[in-house]
């Protein structure tokens, strides 16, 4: 069976940047599963997965435009320190979720902490980065009705 819209694909991966640093991996754990065609993985990787079958292995480099986009300087802002809990220590590099203008959630990273202002970055941490994947397809199956309705997998057997 080949990966196509409405199919569940399970795969192991190692994600690196152009310097060869490992950014993420499923090695030593369970494979990642998704329902193809639902947009739950980055578009470039989903496109590269199309037509692959159980047992296939491949490497692919995904440009930022097909991953998390280019770094957008407009998403780097200075905000008043008082917007953060005063009893909580705020440090450079901390991340938190904030409501996005489009209504969803986005990851925000603290770049700098001053007495009166905090500089935050609303870009995804991997924005502007070419992503290099080493992928092994471990299973391809039909999505269950529930998975299709929900747009995500419920485990290899179709149930949590």
N, C-alpha and C. Protein backbone atom coordinates (compact mmCIF):
# COMPACT_ATOMS: atom_id res chain seq x y z
N UNK A 1 0.86 -1.18 0.00
CA UNK A 1 0.00 0.00 0.00
C UNK A 1 0.90 1.24 0.00
N UNK A 2 0.52 2.23 -0.80
CA UNK A 2 1.29 3.46 -0.89
C UNK A 2 0.66 4.57 -0.06
N UNK A 3 1.51 5.49 0.39
CA UNK A 3 1.03 6.65 1.13
C UNK A 3 0.28 7.57 0.18
N UNK A 4 -0.96 7.88 0.55
CA UNK A 4 -1.82 8.76 -0.24
C UNK A 4 -2.82 9.39 0.74
N UNK A 5 -3.57 10.37 0.27
CA UNK A 5 -4.56 11.02 1.13
C UNK A 5 -5.48 9.98 1.77
N UNK A 6 -5.69 10.15 3.07
CA UNK A 6 -6.58 9.26 3.81
C UNK A 6 -5.90 8.01 4.34
N UNK A 7 -4.63 7.84 4.07
CA UNK A 7 -3.87 6.69 4.59
C UNK A 7 -3.11 7.13 5.84
N UNK A 8 -2.92 6.21 6.77
CA UNK A 8 -2.08 6.45 7.93
C UNK A 8 -0.68 5.97 7.59
N UNK A 9 0.29 6.82 7.81
CA UNK A 9 1.69 6.45 7.62
C UNK A 9 2.39 6.53 8.97
N UNK A 10 3.17 5.51 9.26
CA UNK A 10 4.01 5.49 10.46
C UNK A 10 5.45 5.46 9.99
N UNK A 11 6.28 6.29 10.61
CA UNK A 11 7.66 6.38 10.15
C UNK A 11 8.61 6.78 11.27
N UNK A 12 9.84 6.32 11.13
CA UNK A 12 10.93 6.78 11.98
C UNK A 12 11.67 7.85 11.21
N UNK A 13 12.23 8.79 11.96
CA UNK A 13 12.95 9.89 11.30
C UNK A 13 14.06 10.41 12.19
N UNK A 14 15.04 11.00 11.53
CA UNK A 14 16.04 11.82 12.20
C UNK A 14 16.07 13.13 11.45
N UNK A 15 15.92 14.22 12.18
CA UNK A 15 15.89 15.56 11.61
C UNK A 15 17.18 16.27 11.98
N UNK A 16 17.87 16.80 10.95
CA UNK A 16 19.10 17.56 11.20
C UNK A 16 19.04 18.90 10.47
N UNK A 17 19.88 19.82 10.90
CA UNK A 17 20.05 21.08 10.17
C UNK A 17 21.22 20.92 9.20
N UNK A 18 21.56 21.96 8.48
CA UNK A 18 22.64 21.88 7.49
C UNK A 18 24.01 21.68 8.13
N UNK A 19 24.15 21.94 9.41
CA UNK A 19 25.42 21.71 10.11
C UNK A 19 25.53 20.27 10.61
N UNK A 20 24.47 19.48 10.42
CA UNK A 20 24.48 18.09 10.86
C UNK A 20 24.03 17.88 12.29
N UNK A 21 23.60 18.96 12.96
CA UNK A 21 23.11 18.82 14.33
C UNK A 21 21.76 18.11 14.32
N UNK A 22 21.60 17.11 15.18
CA UNK A 22 20.32 16.42 15.29
C UNK A 22 19.36 17.32 16.05
N UNK A 23 18.25 17.67 15.40
CA UNK A 23 17.24 18.54 16.00
C UNK A 23 16.13 17.74 16.66
N UNK A 24 15.86 16.54 16.11
CA UNK A 24 14.80 15.69 16.65
C UNK A 24 14.97 14.31 16.02
N UNK A 25 14.50 13.30 16.72
CA UNK A 25 14.54 11.94 16.19
C UNK A 25 13.51 11.08 16.89
N UNK A 26 13.04 10.08 16.18
CA UNK A 26 12.15 9.09 16.79
C UNK A 26 12.93 7.83 17.16
N UNK A 27 14.23 7.82 16.89
CA UNK A 27 15.08 6.67 17.18
C UNK A 27 14.97 6.30 18.65
N UNK A 28 14.79 5.03 18.91
CA UNK A 28 14.67 4.56 20.28
C UNK A 28 13.27 4.68 20.84
N UNK A 29 12.34 5.18 20.05
CA UNK A 29 10.96 5.32 20.49
C UNK A 29 10.00 4.77 19.46
N UNK A 30 8.76 5.14 19.61
CA UNK A 30 7.73 4.71 18.66
C UNK A 30 7.82 5.55 17.39
N UNK A 31 7.43 4.96 16.26
CA UNK A 31 7.39 5.76 15.04
C UNK A 31 6.31 6.84 15.15
N UNK A 32 6.50 7.90 14.38
CA UNK A 32 5.50 8.97 14.30
C UNK A 32 4.43 8.54 13.31
N UNK A 33 3.18 8.77 13.66
CA UNK A 33 2.08 8.44 12.77
C UNK A 33 1.25 9.67 12.44
N UNK A 34 0.72 9.71 11.22
CA UNK A 34 -0.13 10.82 10.81
C UNK A 34 -1.08 10.34 9.72
N UNK A 35 -2.16 11.08 9.54
CA UNK A 35 -3.09 10.82 8.44
C UNK A 35 -2.67 11.71 7.28
N UNK A 36 -2.28 11.09 6.19
CA UNK A 36 -1.77 11.83 5.03
C UNK A 36 -2.87 12.70 4.42
N UNK A 37 -2.49 13.92 4.09
CA UNK A 37 -3.42 14.85 3.45
C UNK A 37 -4.15 15.77 4.42
N UNK A 38 -3.84 15.66 5.71
CA UNK A 38 -4.54 16.49 6.70
C UNK A 38 -3.72 17.70 7.13
N UNK A 39 -2.49 17.79 6.65
CA UNK A 39 -1.66 18.94 7.00
C UNK A 39 -1.10 18.90 8.40
N UNK A 40 -0.98 17.72 8.99
CA UNK A 40 -0.48 17.62 10.36
C UNK A 40 1.04 17.52 10.43
N UNK A 41 1.69 17.31 9.28
CA UNK A 41 3.15 17.41 9.24
C UNK A 41 3.49 18.50 8.23
N UNK A 42 4.73 18.97 8.24
CA UNK A 42 5.08 20.08 7.35
C UNK A 42 4.85 19.70 5.89
N UNK A 43 4.43 20.66 5.07
CA UNK A 43 4.05 20.37 3.68
C UNK A 43 5.16 19.70 2.86
N UNK A 44 6.39 20.10 3.01
CA UNK A 44 7.47 19.51 2.23
C UNK A 44 7.69 18.05 2.55
N UNK A 45 7.59 17.69 3.82
CA UNK A 45 7.76 16.29 4.21
C UNK A 45 6.56 15.47 3.74
N UNK A 46 5.37 16.03 3.89
CA UNK A 46 4.18 15.31 3.44
C UNK A 46 4.26 15.03 1.94
N UNK A 47 4.72 16.01 1.15
CA UNK A 47 4.87 15.81 -0.29
C UNK A 47 5.89 14.72 -0.59
N UNK A 48 6.99 14.70 0.16
CA UNK A 48 8.03 13.69 -0.06
C UNK A 48 7.55 12.29 0.32
N UNK A 49 6.59 12.20 1.23
CA UNK A 49 6.07 10.91 1.68
C UNK A 49 5.10 10.30 0.66
N UNK A 50 4.47 11.13 -0.15
CA UNK A 50 3.46 10.67 -1.10
C UNK A 50 4.03 9.57 -2.00
N UNK A 51 3.32 8.46 -2.06
CA UNK A 51 3.71 7.35 -2.93
C UNK A 51 4.67 6.36 -2.32
N UNK A 52 5.19 6.66 -1.13
CA UNK A 52 6.12 5.74 -0.47
C UNK A 52 5.33 4.58 0.14
N UNK A 53 6.04 3.46 0.39
CA UNK A 53 5.43 2.25 0.93
C UNK A 53 6.20 1.75 2.14
N UNK A 54 5.60 0.84 2.88
CA UNK A 54 6.25 0.22 4.04
C UNK A 54 7.62 -0.31 3.62
N UNK A 55 8.63 0.00 4.42
CA UNK A 55 9.98 -0.45 4.16
C UNK A 55 10.82 0.54 3.38
N UNK A 56 10.20 1.53 2.76
CA UNK A 56 10.97 2.54 2.02
C UNK A 56 11.77 3.41 2.99
N UNK A 57 12.99 3.75 2.59
CA UNK A 57 13.83 4.69 3.32
C UNK A 57 14.29 5.75 2.34
N UNK A 58 14.38 6.99 2.81
CA UNK A 58 14.83 8.07 1.93
C UNK A 58 15.34 9.24 2.76
N UNK A 59 16.05 10.12 2.09
CA UNK A 59 16.50 11.37 2.69
C UNK A 59 15.93 12.50 1.86
N UNK A 60 15.55 13.58 2.54
CA UNK A 60 14.99 14.74 1.84
C UNK A 60 15.35 16.01 2.60
N UNK A 61 15.66 17.05 1.85
CA UNK A 61 15.90 18.38 2.43
C UNK A 61 14.69 19.24 2.12
N UNK A 62 14.16 19.89 3.15
CA UNK A 62 12.96 20.71 3.01
C UNK A 62 13.36 22.17 3.22
N UNK A 63 13.08 23.00 2.24
CA UNK A 63 13.36 24.43 2.33
C UNK A 63 12.40 25.09 3.31
N UNK A 64 12.79 26.20 3.92
CA UNK A 64 11.93 26.86 4.91
C UNK A 64 10.51 27.15 4.42
N UNK A 65 10.35 27.52 3.16
CA UNK A 65 9.01 27.85 2.64
C UNK A 65 8.07 26.65 2.69
N UNK A 66 8.62 25.43 2.69
CA UNK A 66 7.81 24.22 2.74
C UNK A 66 7.86 23.57 4.12
N UNK A 67 8.38 24.31 5.10
CA UNK A 67 8.48 23.81 6.47
C UNK A 67 7.79 24.81 7.41
N UNK A 68 8.57 25.62 8.10
CA UNK A 68 8.02 26.57 9.06
C UNK A 68 8.12 28.01 8.59
N UNK A 69 8.43 28.20 7.31
CA UNK A 69 8.49 29.54 6.73
C UNK A 69 9.81 30.23 7.01
N UNK A 70 9.97 31.39 6.38
CA UNK A 70 11.15 32.22 6.61
C UNK A 70 11.00 32.94 7.94
N UNK A 71 12.11 33.31 8.53
CA UNK A 71 12.08 34.10 9.76
C UNK A 71 11.47 35.46 9.44
N UNK A 72 10.47 35.87 10.19
CA UNK A 72 9.77 37.13 9.98
C UNK A 72 10.13 38.09 11.11
N UNK A 73 10.92 39.10 10.79
CA UNK A 73 11.38 40.05 11.81
C UNK A 73 10.21 40.79 12.48
N UNK A 74 9.08 40.91 11.79
CA UNK A 74 7.91 41.58 12.37
C UNK A 74 7.36 40.81 13.58
N UNK A 75 7.72 39.53 13.71
CA UNK A 75 7.25 38.74 14.84
C UNK A 75 8.16 38.85 16.06
N UNK A 76 9.24 39.64 15.93
CA UNK A 76 10.12 39.92 17.07
C UNK A 76 9.66 41.27 17.63
N UNK A 77 9.24 41.26 18.89
CA UNK A 77 8.65 42.46 19.48
C UNK A 77 9.15 42.66 20.91
N UNK A 78 9.11 43.93 21.32
CA UNK A 78 9.34 44.27 22.73
C UNK A 78 7.99 44.50 23.37
N UNK A 79 7.78 43.84 24.50
CA UNK A 79 6.52 43.98 25.21
C UNK A 79 6.82 44.36 26.65
N UNK A 80 5.87 45.01 27.31
CA UNK A 80 6.09 45.39 28.72
C UNK A 80 6.30 44.16 29.61
N UNK A 81 7.25 44.24 30.50
CA UNK A 81 7.55 43.16 31.44
C UNK A 81 6.32 42.82 32.27
N UNK A 82 5.47 43.80 32.51
CA UNK A 82 4.29 43.60 33.36
C UNK A 82 3.27 42.65 32.73
N UNK A 83 3.44 42.29 31.44
CA UNK A 83 2.55 41.30 30.82
C UNK A 83 2.83 39.89 31.30
N UNK A 84 3.97 39.70 31.96
CA UNK A 84 4.35 38.40 32.48
C UNK A 84 4.11 38.39 33.99
N UNK A 85 3.83 37.22 34.55
CA UNK A 85 3.63 37.15 36.00
C UNK A 85 4.86 37.72 36.74
N UNK A 86 4.62 38.65 37.62
CA UNK A 86 5.71 39.31 38.32
C UNK A 86 6.42 38.38 39.31
N UNK A 87 5.72 37.33 39.76
CA UNK A 87 6.32 36.41 40.72
C UNK A 87 7.05 35.25 40.03
N UNK A 88 7.12 35.30 38.71
CA UNK A 88 7.78 34.23 37.96
C UNK A 88 9.06 34.76 37.32
N UNK A 89 10.14 33.99 37.45
CA UNK A 89 11.40 34.39 36.82
C UNK A 89 11.31 34.13 35.32
N UNK A 90 11.60 35.16 34.55
CA UNK A 90 11.57 35.07 33.09
C UNK A 90 13.02 35.09 32.62
N UNK A 91 13.40 34.08 31.81
CA UNK A 91 14.78 33.96 31.35
C UNK A 91 14.85 33.88 29.83
N UNK A 92 15.96 34.33 29.29
CA UNK A 92 16.24 34.20 27.87
C UNK A 92 16.18 32.72 27.48
N UNK A 93 15.53 32.44 26.35
CA UNK A 93 15.42 31.07 25.84
C UNK A 93 14.16 30.35 26.27
N UNK A 94 13.47 30.88 27.28
CA UNK A 94 12.21 30.25 27.70
C UNK A 94 11.21 30.32 26.55
N UNK A 95 10.34 29.32 26.49
CA UNK A 95 9.30 29.30 25.47
C UNK A 95 7.96 29.11 26.16
N UNK A 96 6.94 29.67 25.52
CA UNK A 96 5.58 29.50 26.02
C UNK A 96 4.64 29.61 24.84
N UNK A 97 3.40 29.23 25.05
CA UNK A 97 2.38 29.34 24.01
C UNK A 97 1.57 30.60 24.23
N UNK A 98 1.25 31.24 23.12
CA UNK A 98 0.43 32.45 23.17
C UNK A 98 -0.63 32.33 22.07
N UNK A 99 -1.71 33.05 22.25
CA UNK A 99 -2.74 33.07 21.22
C UNK A 99 -2.24 33.83 20.00
N UNK A 100 -2.40 33.20 18.84
CA UNK A 100 -2.00 33.83 17.58
C UNK A 100 -3.13 34.70 17.06
N UNK A 101 -2.78 35.64 16.18
CA UNK A 101 -3.80 36.51 15.60
C UNK A 101 -4.87 35.71 14.87
N UNK A 102 -4.49 34.57 14.28
CA UNK A 102 -5.43 33.74 13.53
C UNK A 102 -6.31 32.91 14.45
N UNK A 103 -6.08 32.98 15.76
CA UNK A 103 -6.93 32.28 16.71
C UNK A 103 -6.34 31.03 17.29
N UNK A 104 -5.29 30.47 16.68
CA UNK A 104 -4.65 29.28 17.21
C UNK A 104 -3.61 29.64 18.25
N UNK A 105 -2.74 28.70 18.53
CA UNK A 105 -1.65 28.93 19.46
C UNK A 105 -0.33 28.97 18.69
N UNK A 106 0.61 29.75 19.19
CA UNK A 106 1.93 29.79 18.59
C UNK A 106 2.97 29.76 19.70
N UNK A 107 4.13 29.23 19.35
CA UNK A 107 5.24 29.19 20.29
C UNK A 107 5.94 30.55 20.27
N UNK A 108 6.20 31.10 21.44
CA UNK A 108 6.90 32.37 21.57
C UNK A 108 8.15 32.11 22.40
N UNK A 109 9.28 32.62 21.92
CA UNK A 109 10.56 32.46 22.60
C UNK A 109 11.02 33.80 23.16
N UNK A 110 11.51 33.78 24.40
CA UNK A 110 12.03 35.00 25.01
C UNK A 110 13.48 35.17 24.57
N UNK A 111 13.75 36.31 23.93
CA UNK A 111 15.09 36.60 23.44
C UNK A 111 15.91 37.41 24.43
N UNK A 112 15.25 38.33 25.12
CA UNK A 112 15.97 39.22 26.03
C UNK A 112 15.01 39.69 27.13
N UNK A 113 15.53 39.81 28.33
CA UNK A 113 14.72 40.27 29.46
C UNK A 113 15.35 41.52 30.03
N UNK A 114 14.59 42.62 30.01
CA UNK A 114 15.04 43.86 30.62
C UNK A 114 14.17 44.17 31.82
N UNK A 115 14.48 45.25 32.51
CA UNK A 115 13.69 45.62 33.68
C UNK A 115 12.27 46.02 33.30
N UNK A 116 12.14 46.75 32.19
CA UNK A 116 10.83 47.26 31.79
C UNK A 116 10.23 46.52 30.60
N UNK A 117 11.08 45.87 29.79
CA UNK A 117 10.60 45.22 28.57
C UNK A 117 11.20 43.82 28.41
N UNK A 118 10.44 43.00 27.69
CA UNK A 118 10.89 41.67 27.32
C UNK A 118 10.81 41.58 25.81
N UNK A 119 11.89 41.11 25.17
CA UNK A 119 11.88 40.93 23.72
C UNK A 119 11.49 39.49 23.44
N UNK A 120 10.44 39.32 22.65
CA UNK A 120 9.93 37.99 22.32
C UNK A 120 10.00 37.76 20.81
N UNK A 121 10.04 36.50 20.44
CA UNK A 121 10.08 36.10 19.04
C UNK A 121 8.94 35.13 18.79
N UNK A 122 7.99 35.54 17.95
CA UNK A 122 6.83 34.70 17.64
C UNK A 122 7.05 33.75 16.48
N UNK A 123 8.25 33.75 15.90
CA UNK A 123 8.56 32.79 14.84
C UNK A 123 8.68 31.39 15.42
N UNK A 124 8.35 30.39 14.63
CA UNK A 124 8.60 29.02 15.04
C UNK A 124 10.11 28.89 15.22
N UNK A 125 10.58 28.14 16.20
CA UNK A 125 12.02 28.00 16.42
C UNK A 125 12.80 27.49 15.19
N UNK A 126 12.13 26.82 14.27
CA UNK A 126 12.79 26.32 13.07
C UNK A 126 12.48 27.16 11.83
N UNK A 127 11.89 28.33 12.01
CA UNK A 127 11.65 29.23 10.86
C UNK A 127 12.99 29.63 10.26
N UNK A 128 13.05 29.62 8.93
CA UNK A 128 14.26 30.01 8.23
C UNK A 128 15.32 28.93 8.15
N UNK A 129 15.04 27.74 8.65
CA UNK A 129 16.01 26.66 8.68
C UNK A 129 15.65 25.60 7.64
N UNK A 130 16.65 25.21 6.82
CA UNK A 130 16.44 24.06 5.93
C UNK A 130 16.48 22.81 6.81
N UNK A 131 15.51 21.94 6.64
CA UNK A 131 15.38 20.74 7.45
C UNK A 131 15.74 19.52 6.63
N UNK A 132 16.62 18.69 7.17
CA UNK A 132 17.07 17.48 6.49
C UNK A 132 16.55 16.26 7.24
N UNK A 133 15.75 15.48 6.56
CA UNK A 133 15.13 14.30 7.16
C UNK A 133 15.73 13.03 6.60
N UNK A 134 15.97 12.09 7.48
CA UNK A 134 16.32 10.72 7.12
C UNK A 134 15.11 9.91 7.61
N UNK A 135 14.38 9.29 6.68
CA UNK A 135 13.07 8.70 6.98
C UNK A 135 13.04 7.22 6.63
N UNK A 136 12.38 6.43 7.48
CA UNK A 136 12.09 5.03 7.19
C UNK A 136 10.59 4.80 7.43
N UNK A 137 9.87 4.38 6.41
CA UNK A 137 8.44 4.10 6.53
C UNK A 137 8.28 2.73 7.18
N UNK A 138 7.58 2.67 8.32
CA UNK A 138 7.41 1.40 9.02
C UNK A 138 6.05 0.76 8.77
N UNK A 139 5.05 1.55 8.38
CA UNK A 139 3.73 0.98 8.10
C UNK A 139 2.89 1.99 7.35
N UNK A 140 2.04 1.48 6.48
CA UNK A 140 1.03 2.28 5.79
C UNK A 140 -0.27 1.48 5.87
N UNK A 141 -1.32 2.14 6.29
CA UNK A 141 -2.62 1.46 6.40
C UNK A 141 -3.73 2.44 6.13
N UNK A 142 -4.94 1.91 5.96
CA UNK A 142 -6.10 2.78 5.82
C UNK A 142 -6.40 3.44 7.15
N UNK A 143 -6.82 4.69 7.10
CA UNK A 143 -7.26 5.38 8.32
C UNK A 143 -8.62 4.85 8.71
N UNK A 144 -8.87 4.79 10.01
CA UNK A 144 -10.20 4.41 10.49
C UNK A 144 -11.15 5.59 10.26
N UNK A 145 -12.44 5.33 10.37
CA UNK A 145 -13.42 6.42 10.23
C UNK A 145 -13.18 7.50 11.28
N UNK A 146 -12.86 7.08 12.49
CA UNK A 146 -12.61 8.03 13.57
C UNK A 146 -11.37 8.87 13.29
N UNK A 147 -10.30 8.24 12.80
CA UNK A 147 -9.08 8.97 12.48
C UNK A 147 -9.33 9.97 11.35
N UNK A 148 -10.10 9.55 10.36
CA UNK A 148 -10.43 10.45 9.26
C UNK A 148 -11.24 11.64 9.76
N UNK A 149 -12.19 11.39 10.64
CA UNK A 149 -13.03 12.46 11.18
C UNK A 149 -12.20 13.42 12.04
N UNK A 150 -11.26 12.88 12.82
CA UNK A 150 -10.46 13.69 13.73
C UNK A 150 -9.23 14.30 13.06
N UNK A 151 -8.77 13.70 11.96
CA UNK A 151 -7.60 14.21 11.25
C UNK A 151 -6.28 13.84 11.88
N UNK A 152 -6.28 12.83 12.79
CA UNK A 152 -5.03 12.36 13.39
C UNK A 152 -5.16 10.88 13.73
N UNK A 153 -4.00 10.25 13.94
CA UNK A 153 -4.00 8.81 14.22
C UNK A 153 -4.40 8.52 15.66
N UNK A 154 -4.85 7.31 15.85
CA UNK A 154 -5.20 6.83 17.19
C UNK A 154 -4.40 5.57 17.49
N UNK A 155 -3.17 5.54 17.06
CA UNK A 155 -2.30 4.41 17.31
C UNK A 155 -2.24 3.47 16.12
N UNK A 156 -1.25 2.61 16.10
CA UNK A 156 -1.05 1.72 14.96
C UNK A 156 -2.27 0.83 14.67
N UNK A 157 -2.99 0.43 15.71
CA UNK A 157 -4.14 -0.44 15.50
C UNK A 157 -5.43 0.35 15.32
N UNK A 158 -5.35 1.66 15.36
CA UNK A 158 -6.55 2.47 15.17
C UNK A 158 -7.24 2.86 16.45
N UNK A 159 -6.69 2.48 17.60
CA UNK A 159 -7.30 2.83 18.89
C UNK A 159 -6.20 3.25 19.86
N UNK A 160 -6.51 4.19 20.73
CA UNK A 160 -5.54 4.61 21.74
C UNK A 160 -5.39 3.55 22.80
